[in-house]
Amino acid sequence: MPVRVKICGITHLADATMAVAAGADALGFVFVPGTPRAMTVGRVAEITAQLPPFVTRVGLFVNSFAAEIRATIREAQLDTVQLHGDEPPELAAELRAEVRVLKAFRIRDAASLDRVPAYFSAVDAVLLDAYSPDAHGGTGSRFDWTLAERIRSWTCPVIVAGGLQPENVADAVQRFAPYAVDVSSGVEAAPGRKDPAKVREFIRQAKRSDSPLQ
């Protein structure tokens, strides 16, 4: 099955429709105030209302309350939430009764992987991003890819993020054999604005091969 591609940090309808036309399977919208790609519920609702069917609409949250997430899901017409903070498995499982749930983990070293399996039964997939003391994502940094062999043994679907760009995404797909790859800053012309050529090339490279290294 071809790897799926999520283009995150969408802030404009033109970028959303361009990414879908290029073959994106999912679009990500950031609901974290004060961050470069932050969106309001109303602005996202205007975009999602114009998307074609079968495109996954993902809302990214950091340590939000369940009631706030639920309200945003309804108003912004989301079908998936990405928990990118310190949310416990219990919250993920609670939300999963209503939508698909992705739990993101910021990987600093091998020890960072130890807490991930505790979420396997509570989520639909885990997302691995690079650790940064200054941000929860979108930094353009990469985590240690030598951990790929351990990660490939997991039973839960894995989404690889962090430092991906058109030049290295095929390598990531080969190494991790992931369920999906997730990119934001790696295909941007400026924070929150996507570069069409980079988006098209990223998706082409991601989907051209999904056979892991032997």
Protein backbone atom coordinates (compact mmCIF):
# COMPACT_ATOMS: atom_id res chain seq x y z
CA MET A 1 0.00 0.00 0.00
CA PRO A 2 1.47 3.40 -0.95
CA VAL A 3 2.54 5.58 1.94
CA ARG A 4 0.10 8.32 2.82
CA VAL A 5 1.14 11.97 2.86
CA LYS A 6 -0.07 14.68 5.23
CA ILE A 7 0.65 18.32 4.44
CA CYS A 8 0.47 20.18 7.74
CA GLY A 9 0.33 23.86 8.64
CA ILE A 10 -2.25 24.76 5.99
CA THR A 11 -3.38 28.38 6.34
CA HIS A 12 -4.98 29.22 2.97
CA LEU A 13 -7.55 27.59 0.71
CA ALA A 14 -5.27 27.92 -2.31
CA ASP A 15 -2.58 25.88 -0.58
CA ALA A 16 -5.14 23.29 0.51
CA THR A 17 -6.55 22.76 -2.98
CA MET A 18 -3.07 22.73 -4.50
CA ALA A 19 -1.91 20.04 -2.06
CA VAL A 20 -4.96 17.89 -2.72
CA ALA A 21 -4.47 18.20 -6.47
CA ALA A 22 -0.85 17.12 -5.99
CA GLY A 23 -1.98 13.94 -4.24
CA ALA A 24 -2.02 14.75 -0.53
CA ASP A 25 -4.08 12.30 1.51
CA ALA A 26 -4.48 14.56 4.55
CA LEU A 27 -4.24 18.23 5.48
CA GLY A 28 -3.27 19.52 8.91
CA PHE A 29 -4.57 22.66 10.62
CA VAL A 30 -2.85 24.06 13.71
CA PHE A 31 -5.00 25.16 16.65
CA VAL A 32 -2.16 26.41 18.84
CA PRO A 33 -2.43 30.18 19.43
CA GLY A 34 0.75 32.20 19.10
CA THR A 35 2.46 29.80 16.69
CA PRO A 36 3.42 30.74 13.09
CA ARG A 37 0.73 28.58 11.45
CA ALA A 38 -2.07 29.04 14.00
CA MET A 39 -5.61 29.06 12.64
CA THR A 40 -9.02 30.04 13.99
CA VAL A 41 -11.92 27.63 13.89
CA GLY A 42 -13.79 29.87 11.47
CA ARG A 43 -10.96 30.09 8.97
CA VAL A 44 -10.47 26.32 8.98
CA ALA A 45 -14.19 25.73 8.54
CA GLU A 46 -14.13 27.90 5.42
CA ILE A 47 -11.38 25.70 3.98
CA THR A 48 -12.70 22.28 4.98
CA ALA A 49 -16.14 23.08 3.58
CA GLN A 50 -14.56 23.33 0.12
CA LEU A 51 -12.40 20.20 0.23
CA PRO A 52 -13.34 17.13 -1.80
CA PRO A 53 -14.43 13.93 -0.05
CA PHE A 54 -11.88 11.37 1.14
CA VAL A 55 -9.32 14.01 2.13
CA THR A 56 -8.53 13.63 5.82
CA ARG A 57 -8.94 16.83 7.85
CA VAL A 58 -6.60 16.87 10.84
CA GLY A 59 -6.65 19.35 13.71
CA LEU A 60 -3.43 19.75 15.72
CA PHE A 61 -3.81 20.54 19.44
CA VAL A 62 -1.34 21.00 22.29
CA ASN A 63 -2.64 20.30 25.81
CA SER A 64 -6.18 21.45 25.02
CA PHE A 65 -9.21 20.43 27.08
CA ALA A 66 -11.46 17.70 25.72
CA ALA A 67 -14.45 20.04 25.50
CA GLU A 68 -12.46 22.57 23.45
CA ILE A 69 -11.24 19.85 21.08
CA ARG A 70 -14.77 18.49 20.63
CA ALA A 71 -16.18 21.94 19.85
CA THR A 72 -13.43 22.54 17.30
CA ILE A 73 -14.03 19.16 15.66
CA ARG A 74 -17.68 20.05 15.10
CA GLU A 75 -17.21 23.64 13.96
CA ALA A 76 -14.15 23.07 11.76
CA GLN A 77 -15.49 19.82 10.25
CA LEU A 78 -12.51 17.71 11.29
CA ASP A 79 -12.36 13.93 11.17
CA THR A 80 -8.99 13.42 12.91
CA VAL A 81 -7.20 15.04 15.83
CA GLN A 82 -3.46 15.15 16.42
CA LEU A 83 -2.48 15.48 20.07
CA HIS A 84 0.93 17.12 20.11
CA GLY A 85 1.43 17.87 23.80
CA ASP A 86 1.49 15.87 27.02
CA GLU A 87 -1.97 14.37 26.67
CA PRO A 88 -2.48 11.07 28.54
CA PRO A 89 -3.71 7.86 26.87
CA GLU A 90 -7.05 8.29 28.65
CA LEU A 91 -7.81 11.51 26.77
CA ALA A 92 -6.80 9.96 23.47
CA ALA A 93 -9.07 6.97 24.08
CA GLU A 94 -11.95 9.25 25.07
CA LEU A 95 -11.70 11.29 21.88
CA ARG A 96 -11.26 8.19 19.75
CA ALA A 97 -14.89 7.32 20.39
CA GLU A 98 -15.76 10.25 18.12
CA VAL A 99 -12.86 10.76 15.66
CA ARG A 100 -9.57 9.21 14.62
CA VAL A 101 -6.73 10.13 16.96
CA LEU A 102 -3.02 10.58 16.30
CA LYS A 103 -0.61 11.02 19.21
CA ALA A 104 2.62 12.87 18.49
CA PHE A 105 5.86 12.28 20.36
CA ARG A 106 8.93 14.49 20.29
CA ILE A 107 11.91 12.18 20.06
CA ARG A 108 15.07 13.33 21.84
CA ASP A 109 16.85 9.95 22.02
CA ALA A 110 16.17 6.20 22.25
CA ALA A 111 14.70 6.62 25.73
CA SER A 112 12.00 8.85 24.25
CA LEU A 113 10.52 5.81 22.56
CA ASP A 114 9.86 3.99 25.84
CA ARG A 115 6.56 5.72 26.58
CA VAL A 116 5.09 5.38 23.09
CA PRO A 117 3.72 1.79 23.33
CA ALA A 118 1.48 2.80 26.24
CA TYR A 119 -0.65 4.67 23.68
CA PHE A 120 -0.97 1.91 21.08
CA SER A 121 -4.43 0.76 22.19
CA ALA A 122 -5.71 4.34 22.62
CA VAL A 123 -4.88 5.82 19.21
CA ASP A 124 -5.12 5.11 15.50
CA ALA A 125 -1.47 5.99 14.85
CA VAL A 126 1.57 7.48 16.55
CA LEU A 127 3.49 10.37 15.02
CA LEU A 128 7.20 10.76 15.63
CA ASP A 129 8.65 14.27 15.47
CA ALA A 130 11.97 15.82 16.46
CA TYR A 131 12.40 17.18 19.98
CA SER A 132 12.84 20.92 20.37
CA PRO A 133 12.82 22.82 23.67
CA ASP A 134 11.23 25.79 21.91
CA ALA A 135 8.36 24.33 19.90
CA HIS A 136 6.06 21.32 19.67
CA GLY A 137 6.53 20.91 15.93
CA GLY A 138 7.20 22.61 12.62
CA THR A 139 10.86 23.22 13.44
CA GLY A 140 12.34 21.49 10.41
CA SER A 141 14.56 19.35 12.65
CA ARG A 142 15.04 15.61 12.27
CA PHE A 143 15.17 12.96 15.00
CA ASP A 144 17.66 10.09 15.07
CA TRP A 145 16.82 7.85 12.12
CA THR A 146 19.07 5.08 13.42
CA LEU A 147 16.09 4.20 15.63
CA ALA A 148 14.19 3.00 12.56
CA GLU A 149 14.71 -0.72 13.16
CA ARG A 150 13.16 -0.56 16.62
CA ILE A 151 10.28 1.59 15.38
CA ARG A 152 9.52 -0.75 12.47
CA SER A 153 8.80 -3.55 14.94
CA TRP A 154 5.86 -1.69 16.49
CA THR A 155 2.33 -2.97 15.91
CA CYS A 156 0.75 0.50 15.80
CA PRO A 157 0.77 2.51 12.54
CA VAL A 158 3.61 5.04 12.51
CA ILE A 159 3.71 8.49 10.95
CA VAL A 160 7.17 9.95 10.45
CA ALA A 161 7.63 13.73 10.72
CA GLY A 162 10.39 16.17 11.56
CA GLY A 163 12.88 17.57 9.08
CA LEU A 164 11.30 15.92 6.05
CA GLN A 165 11.69 17.56 2.65
CA PRO A 166 11.58 16.45 -0.98
CA GLU A 167 15.26 15.49 -0.88
CA ASN A 168 15.02 13.01 2.01
CA VAL A 169 11.44 11.74 2.20
CA ALA A 170 12.09 8.72 -0.04
CA ASP A 171 14.89 7.71 2.32
CA ALA A 172 12.54 8.03 5.29
CA VAL A 173 9.95 5.83 3.59
CA GLN A 174 12.60 3.21 2.84
CA ARG A 175 13.98 3.21 6.38
CA PHE A 176 10.76 3.29 8.40
CA ALA A 177 8.16 1.70 6.09
CA PRO A 178 5.69 4.09 7.74
CA TYR A 179 1.95 4.30 7.46
CA ALA A 180 2.38 7.97 6.52
CA VAL A 181 4.78 10.89 6.36
CA ASP A 182 3.98 14.39 7.61
CA VAL A 183 5.57 17.63 6.42
CA SER A 184 5.09 21.32 7.17
CA SER A 185 8.12 23.62 6.99
CA GLY A 186 9.91 21.34 4.50
CA VAL A 187 7.55 22.36 1.69
CA GLU A 188 7.08 26.02 2.53
CA ALA A 189 7.94 29.24 0.75
CA ALA A 190 7.34 31.06 4.06
CA PRO A 191 5.80 30.00 7.41
CA GLY A 192 2.25 28.94 6.64
CA ARG A 193 2.54 29.32 2.85
CA LYS A 194 3.33 26.26 0.77
CA ASP A 195 5.60 26.12 -2.26
CA PRO A 196 3.66 24.24 -4.97
CA ALA A 197 6.79 22.81 -6.60
CA LYS A 198 8.08 21.50 -3.27
CA VAL A 199 4.70 20.01 -2.36
CA ARG A 200 4.42 18.20 -5.69
CA GLU A 201 7.97 16.89 -5.52
CA PHE A 202 7.59 15.80 -1.88
CA ILE A 203 4.49 13.78 -2.67
CA ARG A 204 6.08 12.30 -5.79
CA GLN A 205 9.17 11.21 -3.89
CA ALA A 206 7.17 9.85 -0.94
CA LYS A 207 4.91 7.70 -3.10
CA ARG A 208 7.45 6.51 -5.65
CA SER A 209 8.70 3.70 -3.42
CA ASP A 210 7.35 2.13 -0.28
CA SER A 211 9.60 -0.93 -0.06
CA PRO A 212 11.69 -0.81 3.13
CA LEU A 213 15.42 -1.40 3.12
CA GLN A 214 16.40 -5.01 3.64
